[in-house]
Amino acid sequence: MEIVEEFVNGFCKAQNQSRIVLCEYRREPDGTRTFLESDCAYGNCIHSGQCQLMARAVSQGQ
């Protein structure tokens, strides 16, 4: 198992500006990646349900 860090860029509704978010993914032995966490308040943010930035970050891990 390897942890990979990657930057994802997009618009943050909470901050009303473009944002670069640092995300961590776990690389599985079969080459797939699983989203672990990010340096934003995703999950606790009131915009988490509609957040396109984090939706893209999570989907990049799949």
PDB file of N, CA and C in Angstrom:
ATOM      1  N   MET A   1       0.834  -1.181   0.000  1.00  0.00           N
ATOM      2  CA  MET A   1       0.000   0.000   0.000  1.00  0.00           C
ATOM      3  C   MET A   1       0.883   1.251   0.000  1.00  0.00           C
ATOM      4  N   GLU A   2       0.543   2.168  -0.852  1.00  0.00           N
ATOM      5  CA  GLU A   2       1.293   3.417  -0.989  1.00  0.00           C
ATOM      6  C   GLU A   2       0.304   4.586  -0.883  1.00  0.00           C
ATOM      7  N   ILE A   3       0.702   5.658  -0.194  1.00  0.00           N
ATOM      8  CA  ILE A   3      -0.108   6.873  -0.096  1.00  0.00           C
ATOM      9  C   ILE A   3       0.415   7.870  -1.126  1.00  0.00           C
ATOM     10  N   VAL A   4      -0.500   8.407  -1.941  1.00  0.00           N
ATOM     11  CA  VAL A   4      -0.165   9.356  -2.992  1.00  0.00           C
ATOM     12  C   VAL A   4      -0.857  10.678  -2.690  1.00  0.00           C
ATOM     13  N   GLU A   5      -0.110  11.781  -2.768  1.00  0.00           N
ATOM     14  CA  GLU A   5      -0.693  13.115  -2.600  1.00  0.00           C
ATOM     15  C   GLU A   5      -0.833  13.757  -3.966  1.00  0.00           C
ATOM     16  N   GLU A   6      -1.953  14.457  -4.174  1.00  0.00           N
ATOM     17  CA  GLU A   6      -2.210  15.077  -5.463  1.00  0.00           C
ATOM     18  C   GLU A   6      -3.000  16.371  -5.244  1.00  0.00           C
ATOM     19  N   PHE A   7      -2.709  17.393  -6.039  1.00  0.00           N
ATOM     20  CA  PHE A   7      -3.437  18.649  -5.973  1.00  0.00           C
ATOM     21  C   PHE A   7      -4.609  18.615  -6.950  1.00  0.00           C
ATOM     22  N   VAL A   8      -5.767  19.115  -6.493  1.00  0.00           N
ATOM     23  CA  VAL A   8      -6.953  19.231  -7.331  1.00  0.00           C
ATOM     24  C   VAL A   8      -7.387  20.690  -7.283  1.00  0.00           C
ATOM     25  N   ASN A   9      -7.647  21.269  -8.453  1.00  0.00           N
ATOM     26  CA  ASN A   9      -8.000  22.678  -8.565  1.00  0.00           C
ATOM     27  C   ASN A   9      -9.466  22.816  -8.936  1.00  0.00           C
ATOM     28  N   GLY A  10     -10.158  23.804  -8.343  1.00  0.00           N
ATOM     29  CA  GLY A  10     -11.553  24.052  -8.687  1.00  0.00           C
ATOM     30  C   GLY A  10     -12.124  25.196  -7.874  1.00  0.00           C
ATOM     31  N   PHE A  11     -13.432  25.402  -8.009  1.00  0.00           N
ATOM     32  CA  PHE A  11     -14.096  26.506  -7.324  1.00  0.00           C
ATOM     33  C   PHE A  11     -14.674  26.032  -6.001  1.00  0.00           C
ATOM     34  N   CYS A  12     -14.420  26.798  -4.933  1.00  0.00           N
ATOM     35  CA  CYS A  12     -14.925  26.508  -3.592  1.00  0.00           C
ATOM     36  C   CYS A  12     -16.053  27.489  -3.284  1.00  0.00           C
ATOM     37  N   LYS A  13     -17.279  26.962  -3.104  1.00  0.00           N
ATOM     38  CA  LYS A  13     -18.416  27.815  -2.774  1.00  0.00           C
ATOM     39  C   LYS A  13     -18.265  28.454  -1.398  1.00  0.00           C
ATOM     40  N   ALA A  14     -17.717  27.723  -0.450  1.00  0.00           N
ATOM     41  CA  ALA A  14     -17.577  28.234   0.918  1.00  0.00           C
ATOM     42  C   ALA A  14     -16.660  29.455   0.957  1.00  0.00           C
ATOM     43  N   GLN A  15     -15.591  29.419   0.163  1.00  0.00           N
ATOM     44  CA  GLN A  15     -14.649  30.539   0.142  1.00  0.00           C
ATOM     45  C   GLN A  15     -14.927  31.500  -1.004  1.00  0.00           C
ATOM     46  N   ASN A  16     -15.853  31.121  -1.886  1.00  0.00           N
ATOM     47  CA  ASN A  16     -16.235  31.937  -3.040  1.00  0.00           C
ATOM     48  C   ASN A  16     -15.015  32.329  -3.884  1.00  0.00           C
ATOM     49  N   GLN A  17     -14.186  31.334  -4.157  1.00  0.00           N
ATOM     50  CA  GLN A  17     -12.971  31.563  -4.944  1.00  0.00           C
ATOM     51  C   GLN A  17     -12.409  30.231  -5.442  1.00  0.00           C
ATOM     52  N   SER A  18     -11.498  30.332  -6.391  1.00  0.00           N
ATOM     53  CA  SER A  18     -10.796  29.141  -6.845  1.00  0.00           C
ATOM     54  C   SER A  18      -9.899  28.644  -5.722  1.00  0.00           C
ATOM     55  N   ARG A  19      -9.728  27.329  -5.677  1.00  0.00           N
ATOM     56  CA  ARG A  19      -8.950  26.748  -4.586  1.00  0.00           C
ATOM     57  C   ARG A  19      -8.166  25.561  -5.103  1.00  0.00           C
ATOM     58  N   ILE A  20      -6.994  25.378  -4.569  1.00  0.00           N
ATOM     59  CA  ILE A  20      -6.198  24.183  -4.826  1.00  0.00           C
ATOM     60  C   ILE A  20      -6.232  23.363  -3.542  1.00  0.00           C
ATOM     61  N   VAL A  21      -6.718  22.141  -3.660  1.00  0.00           N
ATOM     62  CA  VAL A  21      -6.887  21.264  -2.500  1.00  0.00           C
ATOM     63  C   VAL A  21      -5.882  20.121  -2.592  1.00  0.00           C
ATOM     64  N   LEU A  22      -5.205  19.848  -1.497  1.00  0.00           N
ATOM     65  CA  LEU A  22      -4.288  18.713  -1.429  1.00  0.00           C
ATOM     66  C   LEU A  22      -5.079  17.489  -0.977  1.00  0.00           C
ATOM     67  N   CYS A  23      -5.040  16.437  -1.777  1.00  0.00           N
ATOM     68  CA  CYS A  23      -5.781  15.212  -1.482  1.00  0.00           C
ATOM     69  C   CYS A  23      -4.815  14.048  -1.317  1.00  0.00           C
ATOM     70  N   GLU A  24      -5.207  13.113  -0.473  1.00  0.00           N
ATOM     71  CA  GLU A  24      -4.426  11.886  -0.284  1.00  0.00           C
ATOM     72  C   GLU A  24      -5.233  10.704  -0.789  1.00  0.00           C
ATOM     73  N   TYR A  25      -4.553   9.837  -1.526  1.00  0.00           N
ATOM     74  CA  TYR A  25      -5.150   8.621  -2.064  1.00  0.00           C
ATOM     75  C   TYR A  25      -4.296   7.429  -1.658  1.00  0.00           C
ATOM     76  N   ARG A  26      -4.941   6.307  -1.450  1.00  0.00           N
ATOM     77  CA  ARG A  26      -4.222   5.062  -1.187  1.00  0.00           C
ATOM     78  C   ARG A  26      -4.175   4.285  -2.504  1.00  0.00           C
ATOM     79  N   ARG A  27      -2.974   3.937  -2.942  1.00  0.00           N
ATOM     80  CA  ARG A  27      -2.817   3.145  -4.163  1.00  0.00           C
ATOM     81  C   ARG A  27      -2.816   1.674  -3.765  1.00  0.00           C
ATOM     82  N   GLU A  28      -3.776   0.953  -4.314  1.00  0.00           N
ATOM     83  CA  GLU A  28      -3.934  -0.465  -4.003  1.00  0.00           C
ATOM     84  C   GLU A  28      -2.974  -1.295  -4.856  1.00  0.00           C
ATOM     85  N   PRO A  29      -2.696  -2.514  -4.450  1.00  0.00           N
ATOM     86  CA  PRO A  29      -1.790  -3.378  -5.220  1.00  0.00           C
ATOM     87  C   PRO A  29      -2.236  -3.604  -6.666  1.00  0.00           C
ATOM     88  N   ASP A  30      -3.542  -3.539  -6.928  1.00  0.00           N
ATOM     89  CA  ASP A  30      -4.034  -3.749  -8.293  1.00  0.00           C
ATOM     90  C   ASP A  30      -3.999  -2.473  -9.137  1.00  0.00           C
ATOM     91  N   GLY A  31      -3.476  -1.363  -8.562  1.00  0.00           N
ATOM     92  CA  GLY A  31      -3.334  -0.114  -9.304  1.00  0.00           C
ATOM     93  C   GLY A  31      -4.456   0.877  -9.102  1.00  0.00           C
ATOM     94  N   THR A  32      -5.561   0.456  -8.505  1.00  0.00           N
ATOM     95  CA  THR A  32      -6.655   1.385  -8.245  1.00  0.00           C
ATOM     96  C   THR A  32      -6.293   2.312  -7.093  1.00  0.00           C
ATOM     97  N   ARG A  33      -7.019   3.435  -7.001  1.00  0.00           N
ATOM     98  CA  ARG A  33      -6.768   4.397  -5.926  1.00  0.00           C
ATOM     99  C   ARG A  33      -8.052   4.626  -5.142  1.00  0.00           C
ATOM    100  N   THR A  34      -7.892   4.866  -3.837  1.00  0.00           N
ATOM    101  CA  THR A  34      -9.010   5.159  -2.955  1.00  0.00           C
ATOM    102  C   THR A  34      -8.773   6.508  -2.301  1.00  0.00           C
ATOM    103  N   PHE A  35      -9.762   7.417  -2.391  1.00  0.00           N
ATOM    104  CA  PHE A  35      -9.657   8.723  -1.753  1.00  0.00           C
ATOM    105  C   PHE A  35      -9.643   8.537  -0.243  1.00  0.00           C
ATOM    106  N   LEU A  36      -8.692   9.198   0.442  1.00  0.00           N
ATOM    107  CA  LEU A  36      -8.592   9.106   1.894  1.00  0.00           C
ATOM    108  C   LEU A  36      -9.036  10.396   2.580  1.00  0.00           C
ATOM    109  N   GLU A  37      -8.394  11.516   2.220  1.00  0.00           N
ATOM    110  CA  GLU A  37      -8.717  12.784   2.870  1.00  0.00           C
ATOM    111  C   GLU A  37      -8.179  13.961   2.068  1.00  0.00           C
ATOM    112  N   SER A  38      -8.595  15.163   2.477  1.00  0.00           N
ATOM    113  CA  SER A  38      -8.136  16.384   1.825  1.00  0.00           C
ATOM    114  C   SER A  38      -7.898  17.454   2.880  1.00  0.00           C
ATOM    115  N   ASP A  39      -7.284  18.560   2.456  1.00  0.00           N
ATOM    116  CA  ASP A  39      -6.994  19.637   3.399  1.00  0.00           C
ATOM    117  C   ASP A  39      -8.102  20.702   3.426  1.00  0.00           C
ATOM    118  N   CYS A  40      -9.310  20.338   3.015  1.00  0.00           N
ATOM    119  CA  CYS A  40     -10.432  21.266   3.132  1.00  0.00           C
ATOM    120  C   CYS A  40     -11.430  20.689   4.128  1.00  0.00           C
ATOM    121  N   ALA A  41     -12.518  21.374   4.351  1.00  0.00           N
ATOM    122  CA  ALA A  41     -13.515  20.949   5.334  1.00  0.00           C
ATOM    123  C   ALA A  41     -14.585  20.057   4.716  1.00  0.00           C
ATOM    124  N   TYR A  42     -14.240  19.336   3.664  1.00  0.00           N
ATOM    125  CA  TYR A  42     -15.209  18.461   2.997  1.00  0.00           C
ATOM    126  C   TYR A  42     -15.819  17.501   4.007  1.00  0.00           C
ATOM    127  N   GLY A  43     -17.121  17.381   3.983  1.00  0.00           N
ATOM    128  CA  GLY A  43     -17.837  16.551   4.955  1.00  0.00           C
ATOM    129  C   GLY A  43     -18.467  17.414   6.025  1.00  0.00           C
ATOM    130  N   ASN A  44     -17.732  18.395   6.521  1.00  0.00           N
ATOM    131  CA  ASN A  44     -18.250  19.330   7.519  1.00  0.00           C
ATOM    132  C   ASN A  44     -18.791  20.608   6.881  1.00  0.00           C
ATOM    133  N   CYS A  45     -18.404  20.885   5.658  1.00  0.00           N
ATOM    134  CA  CYS A  45     -18.807  22.094   4.946  1.00  0.00           C
ATOM    135  C   CYS A  45     -20.282  21.999   4.554  1.00  0.00           C
ATOM    136  N   ILE A  46     -20.999  23.117   4.630  1.00  0.00           N
ATOM    137  CA  ILE A  46     -22.418  23.115   4.261  1.00  0.00           C
ATOM    138  C   ILE A  46     -22.624  22.877   2.770  1.00  0.00           C
ATOM    139  N   HIS A  47     -21.587  23.032   1.975  1.00  0.00           N
ATOM    140  CA  HIS A  47     -21.680  22.837   0.530  1.00  0.00           C
ATOM    141  C   HIS A  47     -21.191  21.459   0.084  1.00  0.00           C
ATOM    142  N   SER A  48     -20.876  20.574   1.001  1.00  0.00           N
ATOM    143  CA  SER A  48     -20.319  19.261   0.649  1.00  0.00           C
ATOM    144  C   SER A  48     -21.192  18.487  -0.329  1.00  0.00           C
ATOM    145  N   GLY A  49     -22.501  18.580  -0.190  1.00  0.00           N
ATOM    146  CA  GLY A  49     -23.406  17.836  -1.057  1.00  0.00           C
ATOM    147  C   GLY A  49     -23.364  18.280  -2.505  1.00  0.00           C
ATOM    148  N   GLN A  50     -22.998  19.549  -2.757  1.00  0.00           N
ATOM    149  CA  GLN A  50     -22.957  20.085  -4.117  1.00  0.00           C
ATOM    150  C   GLN A  50     -21.551  20.449  -4.570  1.00  0.00           C
ATOM    151  N   CYS A  51     -20.537  20.086  -3.835  1.00  0.00           N
ATOM    152  CA  CYS A  51     -19.174  20.515  -4.122  1.00  0.00           C
ATOM    153  C   CYS A  51     -18.607  19.777  -5.339  1.00  0.00           C
ATOM    154  N   GLN A  52     -18.470  20.501  -6.452  1.00  0.00           N
ATOM    155  CA  GLN A  52     -17.926  19.917  -7.676  1.00  0.00           C
ATOM    156  C   GLN A  52     -16.432  19.653  -7.556  1.00  0.00           C
ATOM    157  N   LEU A  53     -15.742  20.491  -6.811  1.00  0.00           N
ATOM    158  CA  LEU A  53     -14.303  20.329  -6.606  1.00  0.00           C
ATOM    159  C   LEU A  53     -14.002  18.986  -5.945  1.00  0.00           C
ATOM    160  N   MET A  54     -14.661  18.715  -4.831  1.00  0.00           N
ATOM    161  CA  MET A  54     -14.388  17.472  -4.120  1.00  0.00           C
ATOM    162  C   MET A  54     -15.012  16.265  -4.804  1.00  0.00           C
ATOM    163  N   ALA A  55     -16.114  16.462  -5.536  1.00  0.00           N
ATOM    164  CA  ALA A  55     -16.683  15.359  -6.313  1.00  0.00           C
ATOM    165  C   ALA A  55     -15.655  14.864  -7.329  1.00  0.00           C
ATOM    166  N   ARG A  56     -14.956  15.810  -7.960  1.00  0.00           N
ATOM    167  CA  ARG A  56     -13.912  15.453  -8.925  1.00  0.00           C
ATOM    168  C   ARG A  56     -12.736  14.769  -8.206  1.00  0.00           C
ATOM    169  N   ALA A  57     -12.361  15.300  -7.039  1.00  0.00           N
ATOM    170  CA  ALA A  57     -11.241  14.712  -6.295  1.00  0.00           C
ATOM    171  C   ALA A  57     -11.545  13.288  -5.876  1.00  0.00           C
ATOM    172  N   VAL A  58     -12.753  13.046  -5.395  1.00  0.00           N
ATOM    173  CA  VAL A  58     -13.136  11.694  -4.972  1.00  0.00           C
ATOM    174  C   VAL A  58     -13.198  10.769  -6.176  1.00  0.00           C
ATOM    175  N   SER A  59     -13.761  11.247  -7.294  1.00  0.00           N
ATOM    176  CA  SER A  59     -13.875  10.391  -8.473  1.00  0.00           C
ATOM    177  C   SER A  59     -12.516  10.060  -9.069  1.00  0.00           C
ATOM    178  N   GLN A  60     -11.514  10.913  -8.885  1.00  0.00           N
ATOM    179  CA  GLN A  60     -10.172  10.613  -9.381  1.00  0.00           C
ATOM    180  C   GLN A  60      -9.558   9.455  -8.609  1.00  0.00           C
ATOM    181  N   GLY A  61     -10.084   9.177  -7.437  1.00  0.00           N
ATOM    182  CA  GLY A  61      -9.589   8.062  -6.652  1.00  0.00           C
ATOM    183  C   GLY A  61     -10.248   6.745  -7.005  1.00  0.00           C
ATOM    184  N   GLN A  62     -11.225   6.784  -7.894  1.00  0.00           N
ATOM    185  CA  GLN A  62     -11.952   5.547  -8.243  1.00  0.00           C
ATOM    186  C   GLN A  62     -11.511   5.034  -9.575  1.00  0.00           C
TER     187      GLN A  62
END
